[in-house]
Amino acid sequence: MNSFLHVTLAAVLAMAATSASAAESGNPDRGATLATQGDGSGAPCTACHGADGAGNNAGGFPRLAGLDADYLFKQMVDMNAGKRTSPVMQPNIDNFDEQQLRDLAAYYAGMPVPKTSTATSVDASVMAMGSKLVNEGDWDNYVPPCSTCHGPGNHGVGHVFPAIAGQHPNYIRSQLQAWQNNQRNNDPNQLMTAIAERLSQEQIDAVAAYLGSQNATNP
């Protein structure tokens, strides 16, 4: 393995294992109200992410239900700070204060994880490529398997590495492209940026299709 990548992976994995919680406790009951009412100037969360937090593949809206609360909180803070570019999300959360963002994060983190995955119609060869990249990586090009950081079955590790198994393919694709295009800069030690830059569009499509086809819940 490339020595720089090895050191970076080790440092980030240690961060995931030992870092203190990024966000204080939120109130899921208040979060439920905010999710259905919005911030007063934009659409409510439920308009895009659904009443069950499952998101929508066609619109590229990610599943939020069951994701780590501190991860969700950080993403919203980073969007408001410009570290993540989202012309859809940012205008709909920029009037929430910090406690309200924590409440929203607690609400979605406490929701049941949807048991369904996104159906795909891609060729078997594309799924095979995605499976290899996700589960084995491409070490010749310094691309580790996703599970190295995102955990067994890619069901997430703490507040640093989110669950990506069963996440919508269109969302996964858009985020890998965002890292490539410098529209997302909030990953630890620019680890995802470095990995995304090494992927071709064909590989991104394959990874997105494969991950989206996996079950979002642990067996």
N, C-alpha and C. Protein backbone atom coordinates (compact mmCIF):
# COMPACT_ATOMS: atom_id res chain seq x y z
N MET A 1 0.84 -1.20 0.00
CA MET A 1 0.00 0.00 0.00
C MET A 1 0.87 1.24 0.00
N ASN A 2 0.49 2.28 -0.73
CA ASN A 2 1.17 3.55 -0.71
C ASN A 2 1.33 4.03 0.73
N SER A 3 2.57 4.44 1.13
CA SER A 3 2.84 4.77 2.53
C SER A 3 2.01 5.95 3.01
N PHE A 4 1.81 6.95 2.15
CA PHE A 4 1.01 8.10 2.56
C PHE A 4 -0.43 7.69 2.82
N LEU A 5 -0.97 6.85 1.91
CA LEU A 5 -2.34 6.40 2.08
C LEU A 5 -2.45 5.56 3.34
N HIS A 6 -1.44 4.73 3.62
CA HIS A 6 -1.46 3.89 4.81
C HIS A 6 -1.52 4.75 6.07
N VAL A 7 -0.66 5.77 6.14
CA VAL A 7 -0.65 6.65 7.30
C VAL A 7 -1.96 7.41 7.44
N THR A 8 -2.49 7.88 6.31
CA THR A 8 -3.75 8.62 6.34
C THR A 8 -4.90 7.75 6.83
N LEU A 9 -4.99 6.53 6.31
CA LEU A 9 -6.03 5.61 6.73
C LEU A 9 -5.92 5.32 8.22
N ALA A 10 -4.70 5.07 8.69
CA ALA A 10 -4.51 4.76 10.10
C ALA A 10 -4.93 5.92 10.98
N ALA A 11 -4.58 7.13 10.58
CA ALA A 11 -4.93 8.31 11.37
C ALA A 11 -6.42 8.53 11.43
N VAL A 12 -7.09 8.36 10.30
CA VAL A 12 -8.52 8.60 10.27
C VAL A 12 -9.28 7.51 11.01
N LEU A 13 -8.84 6.27 10.89
CA LEU A 13 -9.48 5.18 11.62
C LEU A 13 -9.32 5.37 13.12
N ALA A 14 -8.16 5.86 13.55
CA ALA A 14 -7.96 6.14 14.97
C ALA A 14 -8.90 7.25 15.43
N MET A 15 -9.11 8.23 14.57
CA MET A 15 -10.03 9.32 14.89
C MET A 15 -11.44 8.79 15.10
N ALA A 16 -11.85 7.88 14.23
CA ALA A 16 -13.20 7.32 14.34
C ALA A 16 -13.36 6.53 15.62
N ALA A 17 -12.29 5.88 16.06
CA ALA A 17 -12.38 5.01 17.23
C ALA A 17 -12.29 5.78 18.54
N THR A 18 -11.57 6.91 18.54
CA THR A 18 -11.27 7.55 19.81
C THR A 18 -11.83 8.95 19.97
N SER A 19 -12.27 9.59 18.92
CA SER A 19 -12.72 10.98 19.03
C SER A 19 -13.98 11.08 19.87
N ALA A 20 -14.08 12.18 20.59
CA ALA A 20 -15.29 12.44 21.37
C ALA A 20 -16.41 12.81 20.43
N SER A 21 -17.63 12.71 20.92
CA SER A 21 -18.80 13.05 20.13
C SER A 21 -18.72 14.49 19.65
N ALA A 22 -19.02 14.69 18.36
CA ALA A 22 -18.92 16.03 17.77
C ALA A 22 -20.07 16.91 18.18
N ALA A 23 -21.19 16.33 18.53
CA ALA A 23 -22.36 17.13 18.85
C ALA A 23 -22.93 16.74 20.20
N GLU A 24 -23.44 17.70 20.93
CA GLU A 24 -24.11 17.41 22.18
C GLU A 24 -25.46 16.78 21.87
N SER A 25 -26.11 16.31 22.91
CA SER A 25 -27.37 15.61 22.71
C SER A 25 -28.44 16.53 22.14
N GLY A 26 -29.17 16.01 21.16
CA GLY A 26 -30.30 16.73 20.60
C GLY A 26 -31.60 16.14 21.10
N ASN A 27 -32.67 16.85 20.87
CA ASN A 27 -33.99 16.41 21.30
C ASN A 27 -34.77 15.92 20.07
N PRO A 28 -34.98 14.60 19.95
CA PRO A 28 -35.65 14.09 18.75
C PRO A 28 -37.09 14.55 18.60
N ASP A 29 -37.78 14.84 19.70
CA ASP A 29 -39.16 15.32 19.60
C ASP A 29 -39.19 16.70 18.96
N ARG A 30 -38.29 17.57 19.37
CA ARG A 30 -38.20 18.89 18.73
C ARG A 30 -37.76 18.72 17.29
N GLY A 31 -36.86 17.76 17.05
CA GLY A 31 -36.39 17.52 15.70
C GLY A 31 -37.51 17.08 14.78
N ALA A 32 -38.43 16.27 15.29
CA ALA A 32 -39.56 15.81 14.48
C ALA A 32 -40.42 16.99 14.03
N THR A 33 -40.62 17.94 14.92
CA THR A 33 -41.40 19.13 14.57
C THR A 33 -40.68 19.95 13.51
N LEU A 34 -39.39 20.14 13.70
CA LEU A 34 -38.61 20.92 12.74
C LEU A 34 -38.58 20.26 11.36
N ALA A 35 -38.51 18.92 11.35
CA ALA A 35 -38.44 18.19 10.07
C ALA A 35 -39.70 18.37 9.25
N THR A 36 -40.84 18.53 9.91
CA THR A 36 -42.11 18.68 9.19
C THR A 36 -42.47 20.13 8.92
N GLN A 37 -41.87 21.05 9.67
CA GLN A 37 -42.20 22.47 9.51
C GLN A 37 -41.16 23.25 8.72
N GLY A 38 -39.91 22.78 8.71
CA GLY A 38 -38.86 23.51 8.04
C GLY A 38 -38.33 24.65 8.87
N ASP A 39 -37.45 25.44 8.27
CA ASP A 39 -36.81 26.53 9.01
C ASP A 39 -37.52 27.87 8.83
N GLY A 40 -38.68 27.85 8.19
CA GLY A 40 -39.46 29.08 8.03
C GLY A 40 -39.26 29.76 6.70
N SER A 41 -38.21 29.36 5.96
CA SER A 41 -37.96 30.02 4.67
C SER A 41 -37.85 29.03 3.52
N GLY A 42 -37.71 27.76 3.83
CA GLY A 42 -37.54 26.77 2.78
C GLY A 42 -38.47 25.59 2.95
N ALA A 43 -38.20 24.56 2.21
CA ALA A 43 -39.03 23.35 2.26
C ALA A 43 -38.70 22.55 3.52
N PRO A 44 -39.67 21.84 4.08
CA PRO A 44 -39.39 20.98 5.22
C PRO A 44 -38.55 19.78 4.79
N CYS A 45 -37.85 19.19 5.74
CA CYS A 45 -36.99 18.04 5.44
C CYS A 45 -37.77 16.91 4.78
N THR A 46 -39.00 16.71 5.26
CA THR A 46 -39.80 15.60 4.77
C THR A 46 -40.16 15.71 3.29
N ALA A 47 -40.10 16.92 2.74
CA ALA A 47 -40.46 17.11 1.33
C ALA A 47 -39.50 16.36 0.41
N CYS A 48 -38.24 16.25 0.82
CA CYS A 48 -37.25 15.57 0.00
C CYS A 48 -36.84 14.21 0.56
N HIS A 49 -36.72 14.14 1.88
CA HIS A 49 -36.21 12.92 2.50
C HIS A 49 -37.32 11.97 2.93
N GLY A 50 -38.56 12.38 2.77
CA GLY A 50 -39.69 11.52 3.09
C GLY A 50 -40.02 11.48 4.57
N ALA A 51 -41.24 11.09 4.86
CA ALA A 51 -41.69 11.03 6.25
C ALA A 51 -40.93 9.96 7.04
N ASP A 52 -40.39 8.96 6.33
CA ASP A 52 -39.65 7.89 7.00
C ASP A 52 -38.15 8.09 6.93
N GLY A 53 -37.70 9.21 6.35
CA GLY A 53 -36.27 9.50 6.26
C GLY A 53 -35.53 8.64 5.26
N ALA A 54 -36.27 7.95 4.39
CA ALA A 54 -35.64 7.01 3.45
C ALA A 54 -35.05 7.69 2.22
N GLY A 55 -35.36 8.97 1.99
CA GLY A 55 -34.83 9.65 0.83
C GLY A 55 -35.49 9.21 -0.47
N ASN A 56 -34.85 9.58 -1.58
CA ASN A 56 -35.44 9.30 -2.89
C ASN A 56 -34.32 9.23 -3.92
N ASN A 57 -34.19 8.08 -4.57
CA ASN A 57 -33.10 7.91 -5.52
C ASN A 57 -33.26 8.80 -6.75
N ALA A 58 -34.47 8.91 -7.27
CA ALA A 58 -34.69 9.69 -8.49
C ALA A 58 -34.25 11.14 -8.30
N GLY A 59 -34.53 11.68 -7.13
CA GLY A 59 -34.15 13.06 -6.86
C GLY A 59 -32.74 13.22 -6.31
N GLY A 60 -32.09 12.09 -6.03
CA GLY A 60 -30.75 12.15 -5.45
C GLY A 60 -30.75 12.54 -3.99
N PHE A 61 -31.87 12.34 -3.30
CA PHE A 61 -31.98 12.71 -1.90
C PHE A 61 -31.59 11.52 -1.02
N PRO A 62 -30.60 11.67 -0.16
CA PRO A 62 -30.08 10.52 0.57
C PRO A 62 -31.01 10.03 1.67
N ARG A 63 -30.81 8.78 2.02
CA ARG A 63 -31.44 8.23 3.21
C ARG A 63 -30.76 8.83 4.44
N LEU A 64 -31.57 9.38 5.37
CA LEU A 64 -31.05 9.93 6.61
C LEU A 64 -31.37 9.02 7.80
N ALA A 65 -32.44 8.27 7.71
CA ALA A 65 -32.91 7.45 8.82
C ALA A 65 -31.83 6.49 9.29
N GLY A 66 -31.54 6.54 10.58
CA GLY A 66 -30.59 5.62 11.17
C GLY A 66 -29.14 5.98 11.04
N LEU A 67 -28.80 7.08 10.35
CA LEU A 67 -27.41 7.50 10.28
C LEU A 67 -26.98 8.10 11.62
N ASP A 68 -25.69 8.10 11.87
CA ASP A 68 -25.17 8.60 13.14
C ASP A 68 -25.53 10.08 13.36
N ALA A 69 -25.99 10.41 14.56
CA ALA A 69 -26.44 11.77 14.85
C ALA A 69 -25.33 12.79 14.70
N ASP A 70 -24.14 12.47 15.20
CA ASP A 70 -23.03 13.42 15.11
C ASP A 70 -22.58 13.62 13.67
N TYR A 71 -22.66 12.56 12.87
CA TYR A 71 -22.34 12.70 11.45
C TYR A 71 -23.34 13.64 10.78
N LEU A 72 -24.62 13.42 11.02
CA LEU A 72 -25.65 14.27 10.41
C LEU A 72 -25.48 15.72 10.84
N PHE A 73 -25.23 15.94 12.12
CA PHE A 73 -25.04 17.29 12.63
C PHE A 73 -23.88 17.98 11.91
N LYS A 74 -22.76 17.28 11.81
CA LYS A 74 -21.58 17.87 11.17
C LYS A 74 -21.85 18.22 9.71
N GLN A 75 -22.58 17.37 8.99
CA GLN A 75 -22.84 17.65 7.58
C GLN A 75 -23.66 18.93 7.42
N MET A 76 -24.65 19.12 8.28
CA MET A 76 -25.46 20.34 8.19
C MET A 76 -24.65 21.57 8.55
N VAL A 77 -23.82 21.46 9.56
CA VAL A 77 -22.94 22.58 9.94
C VAL A 77 -22.00 22.90 8.79
N ASP A 78 -21.43 21.88 8.18
CA ASP A 78 -20.48 22.09 7.08
C ASP A 78 -21.16 22.71 5.86
N MET A 79 -22.41 22.34 5.60
CA MET A 79 -23.13 22.95 4.49
C MET A 79 -23.33 24.44 4.73
N ASN A 80 -23.70 24.78 5.94
CA ASN A 80 -23.89 26.20 6.26
C ASN A 80 -22.58 26.97 6.24
N ALA A 81 -21.47 26.26 6.46
CA ALA A 81 -20.16 26.90 6.47
C ALA A 81 -19.51 26.91 5.09
N GLY A 82 -20.15 26.27 4.10
CA GLY A 82 -19.61 26.24 2.76
C GLY A 82 -18.60 25.15 2.50
N LYS A 83 -18.41 24.23 3.45
CA LYS A 83 -17.46 23.13 3.25
C LYS A 83 -18.07 22.03 2.38
N ARG A 84 -19.39 22.00 2.33
CA ARG A 84 -20.12 21.13 1.41
C ARG A 84 -21.05 22.01 0.60
N THR A 85 -21.01 21.85 -0.71
CA THR A 85 -21.86 22.64 -1.58
C THR A 85 -23.14 21.87 -1.89
N SER A 86 -24.27 22.45 -1.51
CA SER A 86 -25.56 21.83 -1.82
C SER A 86 -26.58 22.94 -2.03
N PRO A 87 -26.83 23.31 -3.28
CA PRO A 87 -27.80 24.39 -3.56
C PRO A 87 -29.21 24.04 -3.13
N VAL A 88 -29.49 22.75 -2.89
CA VAL A 88 -30.82 22.34 -2.42
C VAL A 88 -30.89 22.39 -0.91
N MET A 89 -29.91 21.79 -0.24
CA MET A 89 -29.95 21.68 1.22
C MET A 89 -29.70 23.00 1.93
N GLN A 90 -28.65 23.69 1.54
CA GLN A 90 -28.21 24.84 2.32
C GLN A 90 -29.29 25.91 2.51
N PRO A 91 -30.06 26.27 1.49
CA PRO A 91 -31.10 27.27 1.71
C PRO A 91 -32.22 26.80 2.63
N ASN A 92 -32.32 25.48 2.81
CA ASN A 92 -33.40 24.94 3.64
C ASN A 92 -33.00 24.72 5.09
N ILE A 93 -31.73 24.92 5.41
CA ILE A 93 -31.29 24.74 6.80
C ILE A 93 -30.55 25.95 7.36
N ASP A 94 -30.37 26.98 6.55
CA ASP A 94 -29.52 28.08 7.01
C ASP A 94 -30.15 28.95 8.09
N ASN A 95 -31.44 28.78 8.35
CA ASN A 95 -32.08 29.53 9.43
C ASN A 95 -32.17 28.74 10.74
N PHE A 96 -31.71 27.50 10.72
CA PHE A 96 -31.68 26.71 11.95
C PHE A 96 -30.46 27.09 12.78
N ASP A 97 -30.65 27.22 14.10
CA ASP A 97 -29.49 27.45 14.95
C ASP A 97 -28.85 26.11 15.29
N GLU A 98 -27.76 26.16 16.02
CA GLU A 98 -26.99 24.95 16.30
C GLU A 98 -27.80 23.90 17.05
N GLN A 99 -28.56 24.32 18.05
CA GLN A 99 -29.36 23.36 18.81
C GLN A 99 -30.43 22.71 17.94
N GLN A 100 -31.02 23.48 17.06
CA GLN A 100 -32.03 22.92 16.16
C GLN A 100 -31.43 21.88 15.22
N LEU A 101 -30.20 22.14 14.76
CA LEU A 101 -29.53 21.16 13.91
C LEU A 101 -29.25 19.87 14.69
N ARG A 102 -28.90 20.02 15.96
CA ARG A 102 -28.69 18.84 16.79
C ARG A 102 -30.00 18.08 17.00
N ASP A 103 -31.08 18.83 17.16
CA ASP A 103 -32.38 18.18 17.33
C ASP A 103 -32.77 17.39 16.09
N LEU A 104 -32.55 17.99 14.92
CA LEU A 104 -32.85 17.29 13.67
C LEU A 104 -31.99 16.04 13.52
N ALA A 105 -30.71 16.16 13.85
CA ALA A 105 -29.81 15.01 13.74
C ALA A 105 -30.26 13.88 14.65
N ALA A 106 -30.67 14.23 15.88
CA ALA A 106 -31.13 13.21 16.83
C ALA A 106 -32.40 12.54 16.34
N TYR A 107 -33.27 13.31 15.72
CA TYR A 107 -34.53 12.76 15.21
C TYR A 107 -34.28 11.73 14.12
N TYR A 108 -33.46 12.08 13.14
CA TYR A 108 -33.21 11.16 12.04
C TYR A 108 -32.37 9.97 12.47
N ALA A 109 -31.43 10.18 13.38
CA ALA A 109 -30.61 9.07 13.86
C ALA A 109 -31.45 8.03 14.58
N GLY A 110 -32.53 8.45 15.22
CA GLY A 110 -33.37 7.54 15.97
C GLY A 110 -34.43 6.83 15.15
N MET A 111 -34.53 7.17 13.88
CA MET A 111 -35.53 6.52 13.03
C MET A 111 -35.05 5.13 12.60
N PRO A 112 -35.96 4.20 12.39
CA PRO A 112 -35.57 2.86 11.93
C PRO A 112 -34.91 2.94 10.56
N VAL A 113 -33.88 2.11 10.38
CA VAL A 113 -33.21 2.06 9.08
C VAL A 113 -34.10 1.32 8.09
N PRO A 114 -34.37 1.89 6.92
CA PRO A 114 -35.19 1.18 5.92
C PRO A 114 -34.54 -0.14 5.53
N LYS A 115 -35.34 -1.16 5.34
CA LYS A 115 -34.81 -2.49 5.03
C LYS A 115 -34.64 -2.74 3.54
N THR A 116 -35.11 -1.82 2.73
CA THR A 116 -35.04 -2.03 1.29
C THR A 116 -33.78 -1.41 0.70
N SER A 117 -33.37 -1.93 -0.44
CA SER A 117 -32.27 -1.37 -1.20
C SER A 117 -32.82 -0.85 -2.51
N THR A 118 -32.00 -0.09 -3.25
CA THR A 118 -32.44 0.48 -4.51
C THR A 118 -32.27 -0.53 -5.63
N ALA A 119 -33.35 -0.84 -6.31
CA ALA A 119 -33.27 -1.78 -7.43
C ALA A 119 -32.39 -1.20 -8.54
N THR A 120 -31.68 -2.07 -9.21
CA THR A 120 -30.81 -1.61 -10.28
C THR A 120 -31.00 -2.46 -11.52
N SER A 121 -30.79 -1.87 -12.67
CA SER A 121 -30.94 -2.60 -13.93
C SER A 121 -29.62 -2.60 -14.71
N VAL A 122 -28.51 -2.31 -14.02
CA VAL A 122 -27.23 -2.26 -14.71
C VAL A 122 -26.75 -3.66 -15.05
N ASP A 123 -25.82 -3.75 -15.99
CA ASP A 123 -25.29 -5.05 -16.42
C ASP A 123 -24.55 -5.73 -15.28
N ALA A 124 -24.50 -7.05 -15.38
CA ALA A 124 -23.80 -7.84 -14.36
C ALA A 124 -22.32 -7.46 -14.27
N SER A 125 -21.74 -7.07 -15.41
CA SER A 125 -20.32 -6.69 -15.42
C SER A 125 -20.08 -5.42 -14.60
N VAL A 126 -21.06 -4.51 -14.63
CA VAL A 126 -20.95 -3.28 -13.86
C VAL A 126 -21.05 -3.59 -12.37
N MET A 127 -21.98 -4.46 -12.01
CA MET A 127 -22.13 -4.85 -10.61
C MET A 127 -20.88 -5.58 -10.12
N ALA A 128 -20.28 -6.39 -10.98
CA ALA A 128 -19.07 -7.10 -10.60
C ALA A 128 -17.92 -6.13 -10.35
N MET A 129 -17.81 -5.10 -11.19
CA MET A 129 -16.78 -4.08 -10.98
C MET A 129 -17.02 -3.35 -9.67
N GLY A 130 -18.28 -3.00 -9.42
CA GLY A 130 -18.61 -2.31 -8.18
C GLY A 130 -18.31 -3.16 -6.97
N SER A 131 -18.65 -4.43 -7.04
CA SER A 131 -18.39 -5.35 -5.92
C SER A 131 -16.90 -5.44 -5.63
N LYS A 132 -16.10 -5.53 -6.67
CA LYS A 132 -14.65 -5.64 -6.48
C LYS A 132 -14.09 -4.38 -5.85
N LEU A 133 -14.49 -3.22 -6.33
CA LEU A 133 -13.98 -1.97 -5.79
C LEU A 133 -14.42 -1.78 -4.33
N VAL A 134 -15.67 -2.10 -4.05
CA VAL A 134 -16.21 -1.90 -2.71
C VAL A 134 -15.60 -2.87 -1.71
N ASN A 135 -15.45 -4.13 -2.12
CA ASN A 135 -15.04 -5.17 -1.18
C ASN A 135 -13.55 -5.51 -1.21
N GLU A 136 -12.89 -5.23 -2.33
CA GLU A 136 -11.46 -5.55 -2.45
C GLU A 136 -10.60 -4.33 -2.73
N GLY A 137 -11.19 -3.28 -3.28
CA GLY A 137 -10.43 -2.10 -3.63
C GLY A 137 -9.68 -2.27 -4.94
N ASP A 138 -8.83 -1.30 -5.22
CA ASP A 138 -7.96 -1.34 -6.40
C ASP A 138 -6.60 -0.84 -5.93
N TRP A 139 -5.88 -1.74 -5.26
CA TRP A 139 -4.64 -1.33 -4.60
C TRP A 139 -3.58 -0.87 -5.58
N ASP A 140 -3.63 -1.34 -6.82
CA ASP A 140 -2.66 -0.88 -7.81
C ASP A 140 -2.77 0.62 -8.04
N ASN A 141 -3.96 1.15 -7.80
CA ASN A 141 -4.18 2.60 -7.96
C ASN A 141 -4.47 3.27 -6.62
N TYR A 142 -4.07 2.62 -5.52
CA TYR A 142 -4.19 3.19 -4.18
C TYR A 142 -5.64 3.49 -3.79
N VAL A 143 -6.54 2.60 -4.20
CA VAL A 143 -7.95 2.73 -3.82
C VAL A 143 -8.28 1.58 -2.86
N PRO A 144 -8.45 1.86 -1.56
CA PRO A 144 -8.78 0.79 -0.61
C PRO A 144 -10.25 0.40 -0.74
N PRO A 145 -10.63 -0.79 -0.27
CA PRO A 145 -12.05 -1.15 -0.26
C PRO A 145 -12.83 -0.23 0.66
N CYS A 146 -14.07 0.05 0.32
CA CYS A 146 -14.89 0.98 1.11
C CYS A 146 -14.99 0.52 2.56
N SER A 147 -15.07 -0.80 2.76
CA SER A 147 -15.27 -1.33 4.11
C SER A 147 -14.08 -1.10 5.03
N THR A 148 -12.93 -0.74 4.47
CA THR A 148 -11.77 -0.42 5.30
C THR A 148 -12.11 0.69 6.29
N CYS A 149 -12.87 1.65 5.83
CA CYS A 149 -13.25 2.78 6.69
C CYS A 149 -14.72 2.72 7.12
N HIS A 150 -15.58 2.28 6.22
CA HIS A 150 -17.02 2.32 6.50
C HIS A 150 -17.52 1.09 7.25
N GLY A 151 -16.60 0.18 7.58
CA GLY A 151 -16.93 -0.93 8.46
C GLY A 151 -17.49 -2.15 7.76
N PRO A 152 -17.65 -3.24 8.51
CA PRO A 152 -18.19 -4.47 7.93
C PRO A 152 -19.54 -4.25 7.27
N GLY A 153 -19.64 -4.72 6.04
CA GLY A 153 -20.89 -4.53 5.31
C GLY A 153 -21.16 -3.10 4.92
N ASN A 154 -20.20 -2.20 5.19
CA ASN A 154 -20.35 -0.77 4.90
C ASN A 154 -21.56 -0.17 5.62
N HIS A 155 -21.77 -0.63 6.87
CA HIS A 155 -22.87 -0.13 7.67
C HIS A 155 -22.46 1.01 8.60
N GLY A 156 -21.28 1.56 8.38
CA GLY A 156 -20.86 2.75 9.10
C GLY A 156 -20.03 2.47 10.34
N VAL A 157 -19.19 3.46 10.67
CA VAL A 157 -18.35 3.40 11.87
C VAL A 157 -18.39 4.76 12.54
N GLY A 158 -19.12 4.86 13.64
CA GLY A 158 -19.15 6.10 14.41
C GLY A 158 -19.61 7.30 13.63
N HIS A 159 -19.10 8.47 14.04
CA HIS A 159 -19.56 9.71 13.43
C HIS A 159 -18.66 10.20 12.29
N VAL A 160 -17.60 9.44 11.99
CA VAL A 160 -16.68 9.85 10.93
C VAL A 160 -17.04 9.19 9.60
N PHE A 161 -17.38 7.90 9.66
CA PHE A 161 -17.65 7.15 8.44
C PHE A 161 -19.12 6.71 8.42
N PRO A 162 -19.93 7.30 7.55
CA PRO A 162 -21.36 6.98 7.53
C PRO A 162 -21.66 5.63 6.90
N ALA A 163 -22.81 5.10 7.21
CA ALA A 163 -23.29 3.90 6.53
C ALA A 163 -23.56 4.25 5.06
N ILE A 164 -23.05 3.44 4.16
CA ILE A 164 -23.27 3.69 2.73
C ILE A 164 -23.94 2.51 2.04
N ALA A 165 -24.02 1.36 2.70
CA ALA A 165 -24.74 0.22 2.13
C ALA A 165 -26.22 0.57 2.05
N GLY A 166 -26.81 0.38 0.88
CA GLY A 166 -28.22 0.69 0.70
C GLY A 166 -28.51 2.17 0.49
N GLN A 167 -27.46 3.00 0.48
CA GLN A 167 -27.69 4.42 0.20
C GLN A 167 -28.01 4.56 -1.29
N HIS A 168 -28.76 5.58 -1.64
CA HIS A 168 -29.23 5.70 -3.02
C HIS A 168 -28.06 5.93 -4.00
N PRO A 169 -28.05 5.18 -5.11
CA PRO A 169 -26.95 5.30 -6.08
C PRO A 169 -26.74 6.71 -6.61
N ASN A 170 -27.83 7.41 -6.91
CA ASN A 170 -27.67 8.77 -7.45
C ASN A 170 -27.00 9.70 -6.45
N TYR A 171 -27.27 9.49 -5.18
CA TYR A 171 -26.63 10.31 -4.15
C TYR A 171 -25.15 9.94 -4.02
N ILE A 172 -24.85 8.64 -3.98
CA ILE A 172 -23.45 8.22 -3.89
C ILE A 172 -22.65 8.77 -5.06
N ARG A 173 -23.22 8.65 -6.25
CA ARG A 173 -22.55 9.15 -7.45
C ARG A 173 -22.30 10.66 -7.34
N SER A 174 -23.29 11.40 -6.91
CA SER A 174 -23.15 12.86 -6.84
C SER A 174 -22.09 13.27 -5.83
N GLN A 175 -21.96 12.52 -4.74
CA GLN A 175 -20.97 12.89 -3.73
C GLN A 175 -19.55 12.55 -4.16
N LEU A 176 -19.37 11.42 -4.81
CA LEU A 176 -18.04 11.11 -5.35
C LEU A 176 -17.62 12.15 -6.38
N GLN A 177 -18.57 12.59 -7.19
CA GLN A 177 -18.28 13.64 -8.16
C GLN A 177 -18.01 14.97 -7.47
N ALA A 178 -18.70 15.23 -6.38
CA ALA A 178 -18.48 16.48 -5.64
C ALA A 178 -17.07 16.53 -5.07
N TRP A 179 -16.57 15.38 -4.56
CA TRP A 179 -15.19 15.35 -4.08
C TRP A 179 -14.22 15.56 -5.23
N GLN A 180 -14.52 14.97 -6.37
CA GLN A 180 -13.65 15.15 -7.54
C GLN A 180 -13.59 16.60 -7.98
N ASN A 181 -14.73 17.28 -7.90
CA ASN A 181 -14.85 18.63 -8.45
C ASN A 181 -14.65 19.73 -7.41
N ASN A 182 -14.13 19.36 -6.24
CA ASN A 182 -13.83 20.33 -5.19
C ASN A 182 -15.08 21.05 -4.68
N GLN A 183 -16.22 20.36 -4.73
CA GLN A 183 -17.45 20.91 -4.18
C GLN A 183 -17.75 20.37 -2.79
N ARG A 184 -16.94 19.43 -2.35
CA ARG A 184 -17.07 18.88 -1.00
C ARG A 184 -15.67 18.72 -0.43
N ASN A 185 -15.42 19.36 0.70
CA ASN A 185 -14.08 19.38 1.28
C ASN A 185 -14.11 19.14 2.78
N ASN A 186 -15.01 18.29 3.23
CA ASN A 186 -15.17 18.13 4.68
C ASN A 186 -14.85 16.71 5.16
N ASP A 187 -14.06 15.97 4.39
CA ASP A 187 -13.67 14.63 4.81
C ASP A 187 -12.36 14.69 5.58
N PRO A 188 -12.17 13.81 6.57
CA PRO A 188 -10.94 13.82 7.39
C PRO A 188 -9.71 13.61 6.53
N ASN A 189 -8.74 14.51 6.69
CA ASN A 189 -7.45 14.39 5.99
C ASN A 189 -7.58 14.27 4.48
N GLN A 190 -8.71 14.74 3.94
CA GLN A 190 -8.98 14.68 2.50
C GLN A 190 -8.88 13.25 1.96
N LEU A 191 -9.24 12.29 2.80
CA LEU A 191 -9.16 10.90 2.39
C LEU A 191 -10.09 10.58 1.23
N MET A 192 -11.35 11.01 1.34
CA MET A 192 -12.30 10.73 0.26
C MET A 192 -11.96 11.51 -1.00
N THR A 193 -11.44 12.69 -0.84
CA THR A 193 -11.02 13.48 -2.00
C THR A 193 -9.96 12.71 -2.79
N ALA A 194 -8.96 12.18 -2.08
CA ALA A 194 -7.87 11.45 -2.74
C ALA A 194 -8.39 10.20 -3.44
N ILE A 195 -9.33 9.49 -2.79
CA ILE A 195 -9.86 8.27 -3.39
C ILE A 195 -10.73 8.59 -4.61
N ALA A 196 -11.62 9.57 -4.46
CA ALA A 196 -12.53 9.92 -5.56
C ALA A 196 -11.76 10.37 -6.79
N GLU A 197 -10.68 11.10 -6.59
CA GLU A 197 -9.89 11.59 -7.72
C GLU A 197 -9.24 10.47 -8.52
N ARG A 198 -9.12 9.29 -7.91
CA ARG A 198 -8.50 8.16 -8.59
C ARG A 198 -9.52 7.29 -9.32
N LEU A 199 -10.80 7.60 -9.16
CA LEU A 199 -11.84 6.79 -9.79
C LEU A 199 -12.27 7.38 -11.12
N SER A 200 -12.50 6.50 -12.08
CA SER A 200 -13.07 6.94 -13.35
C SER A 200 -14.58 7.07 -13.20
N GLN A 201 -15.23 7.69 -14.17
CA GLN A 201 -16.69 7.80 -14.11
C GLN A 201 -17.33 6.41 -14.16
N GLU A 202 -16.74 5.51 -14.93
CA GLU A 202 -17.25 4.15 -15.01
C GLU A 202 -17.18 3.47 -13.64
N GLN A 203 -16.09 3.68 -12.94
CA GLN A 203 -15.94 3.08 -11.61
C GLN A 203 -16.90 3.70 -10.61
N ILE A 204 -17.10 5.00 -10.70
CA ILE A 204 -18.05 5.68 -9.81
C ILE A 204 -19.45 5.12 -10.02
N ASP A 205 -19.84 4.96 -11.26
CA ASP A 205 -21.16 4.41 -11.56
C ASP A 205 -21.30 2.99 -11.00
N ALA A 206 -20.24 2.21 -11.11
CA ALA A 206 -20.28 0.83 -10.64
C ALA A 206 -20.37 0.77 -9.12
N VAL A 207 -19.58 1.57 -8.45
CA VAL A 207 -19.61 1.61 -6.98
C VAL A 207 -20.99 2.05 -6.49
N ALA A 208 -21.54 3.08 -7.12
CA ALA A 208 -22.84 3.59 -6.72
C ALA A 208 -23.93 2.54 -6.90
N ALA A 209 -23.89 1.84 -8.04
CA ALA A 209 -24.90 0.82 -8.31
C ALA A 209 -24.80 -0.33 -7.32
N TYR A 210 -23.57 -0.76 -7.05
CA TYR A 210 -23.40 -1.90 -6.14
C TYR A 210 -23.82 -1.54 -4.72
N LEU A 211 -23.33 -0.43 -4.20
CA LEU A 211 -23.68 -0.04 -2.83
C LEU A 211 -25.20 0.17 -2.70
N GLY A 212 -25.80 0.77 -3.71
CA GLY A 212 -27.23 1.00 -3.66
C GLY A 212 -28.05 -0.27 -3.65
N SER A 213 -27.48 -1.35 -4.16
CA SER A 213 -28.20 -2.61 -4.22
C SER A 213 -28.10 -3.40 -2.91
N GLN A 214 -27.22 -2.95 -2.02
CA GLN A 214 -27.03 -3.69 -0.77
C GLN A 214 -28.09 -3.32 0.26
N ASN A 215 -28.29 -4.25 1.20
CA ASN A 215 -29.26 -3.99 2.25
C ASN A 215 -28.73 -2.95 3.23
N ALA A 216 -29.55 -1.98 3.55
CA ALA A 216 -29.12 -0.90 4.44
C ALA A 216 -29.01 -1.33 5.89
N THR A 217 -29.58 -2.46 6.23
CA THR A 217 -29.55 -2.93 7.61
C THR A 217 -28.58 -4.09 7.75
N ASN A 218 -28.04 -4.24 8.95
CA ASN A 218 -27.17 -5.38 9.23
C ASN A 218 -27.98 -6.67 9.12
N PRO A 219 -27.36 -7.73 8.61
CA PRO A 219 -28.07 -9.00 8.48
C PRO A 219 -28.56 -9.50 9.83
